[in-house]
């Protein structure tokens, strides 16, 4: 039996994913060793391997078949635009991708004016403004605190993930438009879906059953 390989987005999502897998009998004791310098963790008995990757790399590993299955946020899936199957919403880390800015920017959006948009997610921002709103904008890619951009005059608005909105409020910004809901998703390599269909389908079924139980 070949290994079924999982790529997990590092951090909180990986921990939550592993806790979820444990509940359906998929365990990996090696991963619990916080001091381990290993890159790949194996459960020989189940024929399963796990590795941790930067979130933005997970769809790449899955598209190219280095991982059969990936667990990553919907924001990363949209931004990376890789060829893979998105098979399941795991419901973890629910939040929204939004256009935010000072209240004064609301009119600029309404009248489709040419504005500057700062974001960590240029592909999502471009798709939203060009394909859905048909508004011409200048997109500025940033890597740090996006909220800073409208405050210092770099951009009129930002496109960013909003969980509670507390940081926006503290900085005099607000949600102006909602782009889409986000949460953790399971993605599958297109070839693996055919080759390992029974194992992957069974895994999806077990996870769906678990989520239904927990949401009762």
N, C-alpha and C. Protein backbone atom coordinates (compact mmCIF):
# COMPACT_ATOMS: atom_id res chain seq x y z
N UNK A 1 0.85 -1.20 0.00
CA UNK A 1 0.00 0.00 0.00
C UNK A 1 0.88 1.24 0.00
N UNK A 2 0.63 2.13 -0.95
CA UNK A 2 1.41 3.37 -0.97
C UNK A 2 0.92 4.31 0.14
N UNK A 3 1.81 5.21 0.53
CA UNK A 3 1.42 6.18 1.55
C UNK A 3 0.40 7.17 0.99
N UNK A 4 -0.52 7.57 1.85
CA UNK A 4 -1.40 8.69 1.55
C UNK A 4 -0.75 9.88 2.25
N UNK A 5 -0.37 10.90 1.48
CA UNK A 5 0.42 12.00 2.06
C UNK A 5 -0.43 13.26 2.24
N UNK A 6 -0.35 13.82 3.43
CA UNK A 6 -1.09 15.03 3.78
C UNK A 6 -0.13 16.22 3.95
N UNK A 7 -0.47 17.35 3.34
CA UNK A 7 0.27 18.60 3.59
C UNK A 7 -0.63 19.48 4.44
N UNK A 8 -0.13 19.86 5.61
CA UNK A 8 -0.92 20.71 6.52
C UNK A 8 -0.31 22.09 6.61
N UNK A 9 -1.15 23.12 6.59
CA UNK A 9 -0.65 24.49 6.75
C UNK A 9 -0.17 24.66 8.19
N UNK A 10 1.09 25.09 8.33
CA UNK A 10 1.72 25.24 9.64
C UNK A 10 0.90 26.11 10.58
N UNK A 11 1.05 25.84 11.89
CA UNK A 11 0.44 26.71 12.89
C UNK A 11 -0.85 26.13 13.47
N UNK A 12 -1.74 27.05 13.83
CA UNK A 12 -3.00 26.66 14.49
C UNK A 12 -3.82 25.68 13.67
N UNK A 13 -3.83 25.90 12.36
CA UNK A 13 -4.64 25.05 11.49
C UNK A 13 -4.15 23.60 11.51
N UNK A 14 -2.82 23.42 11.53
CA UNK A 14 -2.26 22.06 11.58
C UNK A 14 -2.68 21.37 12.87
N UNK A 15 -2.58 22.08 13.99
CA UNK A 15 -2.95 21.50 15.30
C UNK A 15 -4.42 21.10 15.31
N UNK A 16 -5.27 21.99 14.80
CA UNK A 16 -6.71 21.70 14.78
C UNK A 16 -7.02 20.53 13.84
N UNK A 17 -6.31 20.48 12.71
CA UNK A 17 -6.54 19.40 11.73
C UNK A 17 -6.17 18.05 12.34
N UNK A 18 -5.03 18.02 13.03
CA UNK A 18 -4.58 16.76 13.65
C UNK A 18 -5.55 16.30 14.73
N UNK A 19 -6.08 17.26 15.49
CA UNK A 19 -7.05 16.92 16.54
C UNK A 19 -8.30 16.32 15.90
N UNK A 20 -8.69 16.87 14.75
CA UNK A 20 -9.86 16.37 14.03
C UNK A 20 -9.60 14.96 13.48
N UNK A 21 -8.40 14.75 12.92
CA UNK A 21 -8.05 13.43 12.39
C UNK A 21 -8.03 12.38 13.50
N UNK A 22 -7.54 12.77 14.67
CA UNK A 22 -7.48 11.82 15.80
C UNK A 22 -8.85 11.27 16.14
N UNK A 23 -9.86 12.15 16.03
CA UNK A 23 -11.22 11.74 16.38
C UNK A 23 -11.77 10.68 15.44
N UNK A 24 -11.18 10.59 14.22
CA UNK A 24 -11.65 9.55 13.29
C UNK A 24 -10.62 8.42 13.17
N UNK A 25 -9.71 8.39 14.16
CA UNK A 25 -8.77 7.26 14.24
C UNK A 25 -7.49 7.41 13.44
N UNK A 26 -7.23 8.61 12.92
CA UNK A 26 -5.97 8.82 12.20
C UNK A 26 -5.02 9.57 13.11
N UNK A 27 -4.03 8.86 13.60
CA UNK A 27 -3.11 9.48 14.57
C UNK A 27 -1.68 9.47 14.03
N UNK A 28 -0.88 10.34 14.60
CA UNK A 28 0.53 10.36 14.25
C UNK A 28 1.31 10.83 15.47
N UNK A 29 1.75 9.85 16.27
CA UNK A 29 2.43 10.15 17.54
C UNK A 29 3.68 11.00 17.34
N UNK A 30 4.39 10.76 16.23
CA UNK A 30 5.64 11.50 15.96
C UNK A 30 5.43 13.01 15.97
N UNK A 31 4.26 13.42 15.54
CA UNK A 31 4.00 14.86 15.41
C UNK A 31 3.80 15.54 16.77
N UNK A 32 3.60 14.74 17.79
CA UNK A 32 3.37 15.33 19.12
C UNK A 32 4.66 15.72 19.81
N UNK A 33 5.76 15.27 19.26
CA UNK A 33 7.07 15.62 19.82
C UNK A 33 7.46 17.02 19.34
N UNK A 34 7.29 17.99 20.24
CA UNK A 34 7.53 19.40 19.87
C UNK A 34 9.00 19.69 19.54
N UNK A 35 9.91 18.85 20.01
CA UNK A 35 11.33 19.08 19.76
C UNK A 35 11.84 18.39 18.50
N UNK A 36 10.96 17.64 17.86
CA UNK A 36 11.39 16.88 16.68
C UNK A 36 11.81 17.82 15.54
N UNK A 37 12.91 17.43 14.88
CA UNK A 37 13.35 18.23 13.72
C UNK A 37 12.98 17.54 12.41
N UNK A 38 12.18 16.50 12.54
CA UNK A 38 11.76 15.77 11.34
C UNK A 38 10.89 16.65 10.44
N UNK A 39 10.94 16.38 9.17
CA UNK A 39 10.11 17.12 8.21
C UNK A 39 8.89 16.32 7.79
N UNK A 40 9.04 14.99 7.83
CA UNK A 40 7.92 14.12 7.44
C UNK A 40 7.61 13.16 8.58
N UNK A 41 6.35 13.05 8.92
CA UNK A 41 5.91 12.21 10.04
C UNK A 41 5.05 11.08 9.49
N UNK A 42 5.34 9.87 9.95
CA UNK A 42 4.71 8.69 9.33
C UNK A 42 3.97 7.84 10.35
N UNK A 43 2.81 7.33 9.92
CA UNK A 43 2.13 6.27 10.66
C UNK A 43 2.14 5.06 9.72
N UNK A 44 3.12 4.17 9.96
CA UNK A 44 3.33 3.00 9.07
C UNK A 44 2.08 2.11 9.03
N UNK A 45 1.48 1.93 10.19
CA UNK A 45 0.33 1.04 10.31
C UNK A 45 -0.81 1.45 9.38
N UNK A 46 -1.06 2.78 9.33
CA UNK A 46 -2.16 3.29 8.51
C UNK A 46 -1.73 3.64 7.08
N UNK A 47 -0.41 3.62 6.85
CA UNK A 47 0.10 3.98 5.53
C UNK A 47 -0.13 5.46 5.21
N UNK A 48 0.12 6.29 6.26
CA UNK A 48 -0.15 7.72 6.12
C UNK A 48 1.07 8.54 6.48
N UNK A 49 1.31 9.61 5.72
CA UNK A 49 2.42 10.53 6.03
C UNK A 49 1.87 11.96 6.13
N UNK A 50 2.46 12.72 7.04
CA UNK A 50 2.10 14.13 7.18
C UNK A 50 3.35 14.98 7.03
N UNK A 51 3.20 16.16 6.44
CA UNK A 51 4.26 17.15 6.57
C UNK A 51 3.63 18.54 6.70
N UNK A 52 4.38 19.43 7.34
CA UNK A 52 3.91 20.79 7.56
C UNK A 52 4.53 21.70 6.50
N UNK A 53 3.75 22.62 5.98
CA UNK A 53 4.26 23.53 4.96
C UNK A 53 3.68 24.92 5.20
N UNK A 54 4.35 25.92 4.64
CA UNK A 54 3.81 27.27 4.68
C UNK A 54 2.47 27.24 3.96
N UNK A 55 1.46 27.91 4.49
CA UNK A 55 0.11 27.84 3.91
C UNK A 55 0.11 28.07 2.41
N UNK A 56 0.83 29.09 1.95
CA UNK A 56 0.80 29.41 0.51
C UNK A 56 1.43 28.33 -0.37
N UNK A 57 2.20 27.42 0.25
CA UNK A 57 2.83 26.33 -0.52
C UNK A 57 1.95 25.06 -0.60
N UNK A 58 0.98 24.96 0.30
CA UNK A 58 0.18 23.73 0.37
C UNK A 58 -0.51 23.42 -0.97
N UNK A 59 -1.20 24.40 -1.62
CA UNK A 59 -1.83 24.07 -2.90
C UNK A 59 -0.83 23.62 -3.97
N UNK A 60 0.40 24.14 -3.92
CA UNK A 60 1.42 23.75 -4.89
C UNK A 60 1.81 22.29 -4.69
N UNK A 61 2.06 21.90 -3.43
CA UNK A 61 2.40 20.50 -3.14
C UNK A 61 1.28 19.57 -3.62
N UNK A 62 0.04 19.99 -3.43
CA UNK A 62 -1.09 19.15 -3.83
C UNK A 62 -1.23 19.10 -5.35
N UNK A 63 -1.13 20.25 -6.01
CA UNK A 63 -1.29 20.24 -7.48
C UNK A 63 -0.27 19.31 -8.14
N UNK A 64 0.97 19.36 -7.65
CA UNK A 64 2.03 18.57 -8.29
C UNK A 64 2.13 17.13 -7.77
N UNK A 65 1.24 16.76 -6.84
CA UNK A 65 1.19 15.37 -6.39
C UNK A 65 2.21 15.01 -5.33
N UNK A 66 2.94 16.02 -4.79
CA UNK A 66 3.86 15.74 -3.69
C UNK A 66 3.05 15.43 -2.43
N UNK A 67 1.82 15.93 -2.40
CA UNK A 67 0.87 15.57 -1.34
C UNK A 67 -0.42 15.15 -2.03
N UNK A 68 -1.07 14.14 -1.49
CA UNK A 68 -2.37 13.71 -2.04
C UNK A 68 -3.47 14.65 -1.57
N UNK A 69 -3.33 15.06 -0.31
CA UNK A 69 -4.38 15.85 0.35
C UNK A 69 -3.73 17.05 1.04
N UNK A 70 -4.42 18.18 1.02
CA UNK A 70 -3.94 19.36 1.73
C UNK A 70 -5.04 19.94 2.59
N UNK A 71 -4.64 20.54 3.71
CA UNK A 71 -5.60 21.28 4.55
C UNK A 71 -5.09 22.71 4.61
N UNK A 72 -5.92 23.63 4.10
CA UNK A 72 -5.46 25.02 3.99
C UNK A 72 -6.67 25.95 3.93
N UNK A 73 -6.46 27.23 4.20
CA UNK A 73 -7.55 28.21 4.18
C UNK A 73 -8.04 28.50 2.77
N UNK A 74 -9.32 28.82 2.66
CA UNK A 74 -9.92 29.16 1.36
C UNK A 74 -9.23 30.38 0.74
N UNK A 75 -8.76 31.31 1.58
CA UNK A 75 -8.07 32.50 1.07
C UNK A 75 -6.83 32.09 0.25
N UNK A 76 -6.09 31.10 0.77
CA UNK A 76 -4.88 30.63 0.08
C UNK A 76 -5.23 29.92 -1.23
N UNK A 77 -6.31 29.13 -1.20
CA UNK A 77 -6.75 28.42 -2.41
C UNK A 77 -7.09 29.42 -3.51
N UNK A 78 -7.83 30.45 -3.15
CA UNK A 78 -8.24 31.47 -4.12
C UNK A 78 -7.03 32.25 -4.65
N UNK A 79 -6.13 32.60 -3.74
CA UNK A 79 -4.98 33.42 -4.12
C UNK A 79 -4.01 32.66 -5.01
N UNK A 80 -3.81 31.36 -4.70
CA UNK A 80 -2.82 30.57 -5.43
C UNK A 80 -3.35 30.07 -6.78
N UNK A 81 -4.67 29.83 -6.86
CA UNK A 81 -5.28 29.43 -8.12
C UNK A 81 -4.71 28.17 -8.74
N UNK A 82 -4.45 27.16 -7.93
CA UNK A 82 -3.86 25.90 -8.42
C UNK A 82 -4.94 24.94 -8.93
N UNK A 83 -4.51 23.97 -9.74
CA UNK A 83 -5.44 22.97 -10.25
C UNK A 83 -5.54 21.84 -9.23
N UNK A 84 -6.66 21.78 -8.53
CA UNK A 84 -6.88 20.73 -7.53
C UNK A 84 -8.37 20.64 -7.25
N UNK A 85 -8.77 19.60 -6.56
CA UNK A 85 -10.17 19.47 -6.17
C UNK A 85 -10.35 19.98 -4.74
N UNK A 86 -11.29 20.90 -4.57
CA UNK A 86 -11.65 21.34 -3.21
C UNK A 86 -12.83 20.48 -2.81
N UNK A 87 -12.62 19.56 -1.86
CA UNK A 87 -13.64 18.54 -1.61
C UNK A 87 -14.48 18.78 -0.36
N UNK A 88 -13.98 19.66 0.53
CA UNK A 88 -14.70 19.75 1.79
C UNK A 88 -14.40 21.02 2.56
N UNK A 89 -15.45 21.61 3.12
CA UNK A 89 -15.30 22.75 4.02
C UNK A 89 -15.23 22.18 5.44
N UNK A 90 -14.09 22.40 6.11
CA UNK A 90 -13.90 21.82 7.45
C UNK A 90 -14.48 22.72 8.54
N UNK A 91 -14.93 23.91 8.14
CA UNK A 91 -15.61 24.80 9.10
C UNK A 91 -14.72 25.43 10.15
N UNK A 92 -13.40 25.22 10.06
CA UNK A 92 -12.50 25.80 11.07
C UNK A 92 -12.03 27.17 10.61
N UNK A 93 -11.80 28.04 11.57
CA UNK A 93 -11.23 29.36 11.26
C UNK A 93 -12.13 30.20 10.36
N UNK A 94 -13.44 30.18 10.63
CA UNK A 94 -14.36 30.95 9.79
C UNK A 94 -14.13 32.46 9.92
N UNK A 95 -14.05 33.12 8.78
CA UNK A 95 -13.89 34.58 8.74
C UNK A 95 -14.32 35.04 7.34
N UNK A 96 -14.04 36.29 7.00
CA UNK A 96 -14.47 36.81 5.69
C UNK A 96 -13.35 37.61 5.03
N UNK A 97 -13.33 37.58 3.72
CA UNK A 97 -12.45 38.47 2.96
C UNK A 97 -13.28 39.70 2.63
N UNK A 98 -12.75 40.86 2.96
CA UNK A 98 -13.55 42.09 2.82
C UNK A 98 -12.75 43.24 2.23
N UNK A 99 -13.49 44.19 1.68
CA UNK A 99 -12.91 45.48 1.31
C UNK A 99 -13.16 46.39 2.51
N UNK A 100 -12.09 46.97 3.05
CA UNK A 100 -12.22 47.80 4.24
C UNK A 100 -11.57 49.16 4.01
N UNK A 101 -11.96 50.11 4.81
CA UNK A 101 -11.36 51.44 4.69
C UNK A 101 -12.10 52.41 5.58
N UNK A 102 -11.76 53.70 5.52
CA UNK A 102 -12.53 54.68 6.28
C UNK A 102 -13.92 54.82 5.67
N UNK A 103 -14.88 55.25 6.46
CA UNK A 103 -16.26 55.40 5.98
C UNK A 103 -16.32 56.29 4.73
N UNK A 104 -15.41 57.24 4.64
CA UNK A 104 -15.40 58.19 3.51
C UNK A 104 -15.13 57.49 2.17
N UNK A 105 -14.55 56.29 2.21
CA UNK A 105 -14.22 55.58 0.96
C UNK A 105 -15.43 54.85 0.36
N UNK A 106 -16.53 54.78 1.13
CA UNK A 106 -17.71 54.06 0.66
C UNK A 106 -18.24 54.62 -0.67
N UNK A 107 -18.24 55.95 -0.76
CA UNK A 107 -18.73 56.62 -1.98
C UNK A 107 -17.85 56.30 -3.19
N UNK A 108 -16.52 56.21 -2.95
CA UNK A 108 -15.59 55.91 -4.04
C UNK A 108 -15.88 54.53 -4.64
N UNK A 109 -16.25 53.61 -3.77
CA UNK A 109 -16.58 52.24 -4.23
C UNK A 109 -17.91 52.24 -4.98
N UNK A 110 -18.84 53.03 -4.45
CA UNK A 110 -20.18 53.09 -5.04
C UNK A 110 -20.13 53.65 -6.46
N UNK A 111 -19.28 54.66 -6.64
CA UNK A 111 -19.23 55.34 -7.95
C UNK A 111 -18.14 54.79 -8.87
N UNK A 112 -17.59 53.63 -8.48
CA UNK A 112 -16.59 52.95 -9.31
C UNK A 112 -15.42 53.86 -9.72
N UNK A 113 -14.96 54.66 -8.76
CA UNK A 113 -13.84 55.56 -9.07
C UNK A 113 -12.54 54.77 -9.09
N UNK A 114 -11.56 55.32 -9.79
CA UNK A 114 -10.25 54.66 -9.85
C UNK A 114 -9.54 54.92 -8.52
N UNK A 115 -9.31 53.88 -7.77
CA UNK A 115 -8.69 54.01 -6.45
C UNK A 115 -7.53 53.03 -6.30
N UNK A 116 -6.78 53.24 -5.21
CA UNK A 116 -5.69 52.32 -4.92
C UNK A 116 -6.14 51.36 -3.82
N UNK A 117 -5.80 50.09 -4.01
CA UNK A 117 -6.20 49.03 -3.07
C UNK A 117 -4.94 48.33 -2.56
N UNK A 118 -4.71 48.35 -1.27
CA UNK A 118 -3.55 47.66 -0.69
C UNK A 118 -4.00 46.30 -0.16
N UNK A 119 -3.18 45.26 -0.37
CA UNK A 119 -3.60 43.92 0.05
C UNK A 119 -2.44 42.93 0.05
N UNK A 120 -2.60 41.86 0.84
CA UNK A 120 -1.69 40.72 0.77
C UNK A 120 -2.18 39.74 -0.29
N UNK A 121 -3.39 40.00 -0.80
CA UNK A 121 -4.07 39.06 -1.70
C UNK A 121 -4.38 39.72 -3.05
N UNK A 122 -3.34 40.01 -3.87
CA UNK A 122 -3.58 40.70 -5.13
C UNK A 122 -4.48 39.94 -6.11
N UNK A 123 -4.37 38.62 -6.16
CA UNK A 123 -5.20 37.84 -7.10
C UNK A 123 -6.68 37.93 -6.73
N UNK A 124 -6.97 37.82 -5.43
CA UNK A 124 -8.37 37.91 -4.97
C UNK A 124 -8.91 39.32 -5.21
N UNK A 125 -8.10 40.32 -4.89
CA UNK A 125 -8.52 41.72 -5.07
C UNK A 125 -8.79 42.01 -6.55
N UNK A 126 -7.89 41.55 -7.40
CA UNK A 126 -8.02 41.80 -8.84
C UNK A 126 -9.29 41.14 -9.38
N UNK A 127 -9.51 39.90 -8.99
CA UNK A 127 -10.70 39.18 -9.45
C UNK A 127 -11.98 39.90 -9.02
N UNK A 128 -11.99 40.35 -7.77
CA UNK A 128 -13.18 41.02 -7.23
C UNK A 128 -13.46 42.34 -7.96
N UNK A 129 -12.46 43.19 -8.04
CA UNK A 129 -12.68 44.51 -8.64
C UNK A 129 -12.86 44.46 -10.16
N UNK A 130 -12.06 43.64 -10.83
CA UNK A 130 -12.12 43.62 -12.29
C UNK A 130 -13.25 42.75 -12.83
N UNK A 131 -13.43 41.57 -12.24
CA UNK A 131 -14.41 40.63 -12.80
C UNK A 131 -15.80 40.72 -12.18
N UNK A 132 -15.88 41.11 -10.91
CA UNK A 132 -17.19 41.14 -10.26
C UNK A 132 -17.77 42.56 -10.20
N UNK A 133 -16.91 43.53 -9.89
CA UNK A 133 -17.40 44.91 -9.78
C UNK A 133 -17.18 45.73 -11.05
N UNK A 134 -16.30 45.23 -11.91
CA UNK A 134 -15.93 45.96 -13.15
C UNK A 134 -15.48 47.38 -12.82
N UNK A 135 -14.61 47.45 -11.82
CA UNK A 135 -14.04 48.75 -11.39
C UNK A 135 -12.53 48.70 -11.60
N UNK A 136 -11.99 49.72 -12.25
CA UNK A 136 -10.55 49.78 -12.47
C UNK A 136 -9.86 50.32 -11.23
N UNK A 137 -8.93 49.54 -10.70
CA UNK A 137 -8.21 49.97 -9.50
C UNK A 137 -6.71 49.70 -9.68
N UNK A 138 -5.93 50.35 -8.84
CA UNK A 138 -4.50 50.06 -8.81
C UNK A 138 -4.25 49.21 -7.56
N UNK A 139 -3.72 48.02 -7.75
CA UNK A 139 -3.52 47.12 -6.61
C UNK A 139 -2.07 47.18 -6.14
N UNK A 140 -1.91 47.41 -4.85
CA UNK A 140 -0.58 47.51 -4.25
C UNK A 140 -0.39 46.33 -3.30
N UNK A 141 0.60 45.50 -3.58
CA UNK A 141 0.87 44.30 -2.75
C UNK A 141 1.69 44.70 -1.53
N UNK A 142 1.18 44.33 -0.36
CA UNK A 142 1.91 44.55 0.89
C UNK A 142 2.04 43.24 1.63
N UNK A 143 3.02 43.16 2.53
CA UNK A 143 3.20 41.93 3.31
C UNK A 143 2.94 42.11 4.80
N UNK A 144 2.99 43.34 5.25
CA UNK A 144 2.83 43.59 6.69
C UNK A 144 1.43 44.02 7.08
N UNK A 145 1.33 44.95 8.03
CA UNK A 145 0.02 45.43 8.53
C UNK A 145 -0.70 46.22 7.45
N UNK A 146 -1.69 45.59 6.86
CA UNK A 146 -2.42 46.20 5.75
C UNK A 146 -3.20 47.43 6.22
N UNK A 147 -3.68 47.39 7.48
CA UNK A 147 -4.51 48.49 8.01
C UNK A 147 -3.81 49.84 7.93
N UNK A 148 -2.50 49.79 7.93
CA UNK A 148 -1.71 51.02 7.90
C UNK A 148 -1.89 51.81 6.59
N UNK A 149 -2.11 51.09 5.49
CA UNK A 149 -2.12 51.72 4.15
C UNK A 149 -3.09 52.90 4.01
N UNK A 150 -4.39 52.74 4.38
CA UNK A 150 -5.28 53.89 4.23
C UNK A 150 -5.00 55.00 5.25
N UNK A 151 -4.46 54.61 6.39
CA UNK A 151 -4.19 55.60 7.45
C UNK A 151 -3.08 56.57 7.01
N UNK A 152 -2.05 56.04 6.34
CA UNK A 152 -0.93 56.90 5.92
C UNK A 152 -1.10 57.40 4.48
N UNK A 153 -2.22 57.07 3.85
CA UNK A 153 -2.50 57.59 2.51
C UNK A 153 -1.90 56.81 1.36
N UNK A 154 -1.46 55.57 1.63
CA UNK A 154 -0.93 54.75 0.54
C UNK A 154 -2.06 54.27 -0.37
N UNK A 155 -3.21 53.99 0.23
CA UNK A 155 -4.35 53.51 -0.55
C UNK A 155 -5.64 54.06 0.04
N UNK A 156 -6.69 54.01 -0.77
CA UNK A 156 -8.02 54.44 -0.27
C UNK A 156 -8.66 53.32 0.55
N UNK A 157 -8.48 52.08 0.06
CA UNK A 157 -9.07 50.92 0.75
C UNK A 157 -8.08 49.77 0.81
N UNK A 158 -8.44 48.74 1.57
CA UNK A 158 -7.63 47.52 1.65
C UNK A 158 -8.54 46.32 1.38
N UNK A 159 -7.93 45.22 0.96
CA UNK A 159 -8.65 43.94 0.89
C UNK A 159 -7.93 43.03 1.87
N UNK A 160 -8.67 42.55 2.87
CA UNK A 160 -8.01 41.75 3.91
C UNK A 160 -9.01 40.81 4.58
N UNK A 161 -8.46 39.88 5.37
CA UNK A 161 -9.30 38.95 6.13
C UNK A 161 -9.80 39.65 7.38
N UNK A 162 -11.10 39.51 7.64
CA UNK A 162 -11.69 40.10 8.84
C UNK A 162 -12.27 38.99 9.70
N UNK A 163 -11.81 38.92 10.96
CA UNK A 163 -12.39 37.94 11.90
C UNK A 163 -13.41 38.63 12.79
N UNK A 164 -12.93 39.53 13.64
CA UNK A 164 -13.85 40.21 14.56
C UNK A 164 -14.08 41.66 14.16
N UNK A 165 -13.13 42.22 13.44
CA UNK A 165 -13.25 43.64 13.05
C UNK A 165 -12.69 44.59 14.10
N UNK A 166 -12.15 44.03 15.20
CA UNK A 166 -11.64 44.86 16.30
C UNK A 166 -10.46 45.74 15.87
N UNK A 167 -9.52 45.16 15.10
CA UNK A 167 -8.34 45.92 14.66
C UNK A 167 -8.76 47.06 13.74
N UNK A 168 -9.75 46.80 12.89
CA UNK A 168 -10.25 47.84 11.98
C UNK A 168 -10.81 49.00 12.81
N UNK A 169 -11.67 48.65 13.74
CA UNK A 169 -12.34 49.65 14.58
C UNK A 169 -11.33 50.53 15.31
N UNK A 170 -10.33 49.87 15.88
CA UNK A 170 -9.30 50.60 16.64
C UNK A 170 -8.58 51.62 15.77
N UNK A 171 -8.53 51.35 14.48
CA UNK A 171 -7.80 52.23 13.56
C UNK A 171 -8.71 53.09 12.68
N UNK A 172 -9.97 53.21 13.09
CA UNK A 172 -10.90 54.08 12.39
C UNK A 172 -11.33 53.56 11.03
N UNK A 173 -11.24 52.24 10.84
CA UNK A 173 -11.64 51.64 9.56
C UNK A 173 -12.87 50.76 9.77
N UNK A 174 -13.53 50.45 8.67
CA UNK A 174 -14.73 49.61 8.76
C UNK A 174 -14.84 48.71 7.54
N UNK A 175 -15.66 47.66 7.64
CA UNK A 175 -15.91 46.80 6.47
C UNK A 175 -16.85 47.54 5.53
N UNK A 176 -16.42 47.73 4.29
CA UNK A 176 -17.23 48.44 3.30
C UNK A 176 -17.96 47.49 2.37
N UNK A 177 -17.32 46.39 2.01
CA UNK A 177 -17.95 45.37 1.15
C UNK A 177 -17.38 44.01 1.52
N UNK A 178 -18.24 43.00 1.46
CA UNK A 178 -17.78 41.64 1.75
C UNK A 178 -17.53 40.91 0.43
N UNK A 179 -16.35 40.29 0.32
CA UNK A 179 -16.01 39.58 -0.92
C UNK A 179 -16.47 38.12 -0.86
N UNK A 180 -16.07 37.40 0.19
CA UNK A 180 -16.49 36.00 0.32
C UNK A 180 -16.20 35.47 1.72
N UNK A 181 -16.95 34.42 2.12
CA UNK A 181 -16.64 33.77 3.40
C UNK A 181 -15.41 32.87 3.25
N UNK A 182 -14.68 32.71 4.33
CA UNK A 182 -13.46 31.88 4.32
C UNK A 182 -13.50 30.88 5.47
N UNK A 183 -12.82 29.75 5.27
CA UNK A 183 -12.62 28.77 6.34
C UNK A 183 -11.62 27.75 5.82
N UNK A 184 -11.25 26.81 6.67
CA UNK A 184 -10.28 25.77 6.25
C UNK A 184 -10.97 24.78 5.31
N UNK A 185 -10.25 24.40 4.26
CA UNK A 185 -10.81 23.44 3.29
C UNK A 185 -9.85 22.27 3.10
N UNK A 186 -10.43 21.14 2.66
CA UNK A 186 -9.60 20.01 2.28
C UNK A 186 -9.50 20.00 0.77
N UNK A 187 -8.27 19.93 0.26
CA UNK A 187 -8.07 19.87 -1.18
C UNK A 187 -7.37 18.55 -1.54
N UNK A 188 -7.63 18.06 -2.75
CA UNK A 188 -7.09 16.76 -3.16
C UNK A 188 -6.46 16.87 -4.55
N UNK A 189 -5.35 16.20 -4.72
CA UNK A 189 -4.68 16.13 -6.02
C UNK A 189 -5.61 15.40 -7.00
N UNK A 190 -5.67 15.90 -8.24
CA UNK A 190 -6.62 15.36 -9.20
C UNK A 190 -6.33 13.90 -9.56
N UNK A 191 -5.06 13.54 -9.68
CA UNK A 191 -4.71 12.14 -10.00
C UNK A 191 -4.97 11.24 -8.80
N UNK A 192 -4.60 11.72 -7.60
CA UNK A 192 -4.81 10.93 -6.37
C UNK A 192 -6.28 10.60 -6.18
N UNK A 193 -7.15 11.55 -6.57
CA UNK A 193 -8.59 11.35 -6.40
C UNK A 193 -9.06 10.12 -7.18
N UNK A 194 -8.42 9.87 -8.32
CA UNK A 194 -8.78 8.69 -9.11
C UNK A 194 -8.07 7.44 -8.57
N UNK A 195 -6.76 7.60 -8.31
CA UNK A 195 -5.93 6.46 -7.94
C UNK A 195 -6.23 5.94 -6.54
N UNK A 196 -6.54 6.85 -5.64
CA UNK A 196 -6.78 6.45 -4.24
C UNK A 196 -8.23 6.76 -3.85
N UNK A 197 -9.12 6.62 -4.82
CA UNK A 197 -10.50 7.05 -4.60
C UNK A 197 -11.15 6.44 -3.36
N UNK A 198 -10.98 5.15 -3.16
CA UNK A 198 -11.63 4.48 -2.02
C UNK A 198 -11.16 5.06 -0.69
N UNK A 199 -9.84 5.18 -0.55
CA UNK A 199 -9.30 5.68 0.72
C UNK A 199 -9.69 7.13 0.97
N UNK A 200 -9.63 7.95 -0.08
CA UNK A 200 -9.94 9.37 0.08
C UNK A 200 -11.44 9.58 0.33
N UNK A 201 -12.27 8.85 -0.39
CA UNK A 201 -13.72 8.96 -0.21
C UNK A 201 -14.12 8.52 1.19
N UNK A 202 -13.49 7.47 1.68
CA UNK A 202 -13.77 6.97 3.02
C UNK A 202 -13.39 8.02 4.07
N UNK A 203 -12.24 8.65 3.87
CA UNK A 203 -11.76 9.70 4.78
C UNK A 203 -12.74 10.87 4.81
N UNK A 204 -13.18 11.31 3.62
CA UNK A 204 -14.13 12.43 3.53
C UNK A 204 -15.43 12.07 4.25
N UNK A 205 -15.89 10.84 4.03
CA UNK A 205 -17.13 10.38 4.67
C UNK A 205 -17.00 10.44 6.20
N UNK A 206 -15.87 9.93 6.73
CA UNK A 206 -15.67 9.92 8.18
C UNK A 206 -15.62 11.34 8.76
N UNK A 207 -14.96 12.24 8.03
CA UNK A 207 -14.87 13.63 8.50
C UNK A 207 -16.24 14.31 8.45
N UNK A 208 -16.99 14.05 7.39
CA UNK A 208 -18.34 14.65 7.27
C UNK A 208 -19.23 14.18 8.42
N UNK A 209 -19.16 12.88 8.71
CA UNK A 209 -19.96 12.31 9.81
C UNK A 209 -19.58 12.97 11.13
N UNK A 210 -18.27 13.12 11.35
CA UNK A 210 -17.77 13.76 12.58
C UNK A 210 -18.31 15.19 12.71
N UNK A 211 -18.21 15.97 11.63
CA UNK A 211 -18.66 17.36 11.67
C UNK A 211 -20.17 17.46 11.91
N UNK A 212 -20.92 16.54 11.31
CA UNK A 212 -22.38 16.53 11.53
C UNK A 212 -22.70 16.26 12.99
N UNK A 213 -21.96 15.29 13.56
CA UNK A 213 -22.16 14.97 15.00
C UNK A 213 -21.86 16.17 15.87
N UNK A 214 -20.73 16.83 15.56
CA UNK A 214 -20.31 17.96 16.40
C UNK A 214 -21.21 19.18 16.24
N UNK A 215 -21.86 19.28 15.11
CA UNK A 215 -22.70 20.47 14.87
C UNK A 215 -24.17 20.27 15.27
N UNK A 216 -24.44 19.10 15.84
CA UNK A 216 -25.83 18.83 16.26
C UNK A 216 -26.21 19.73 17.43
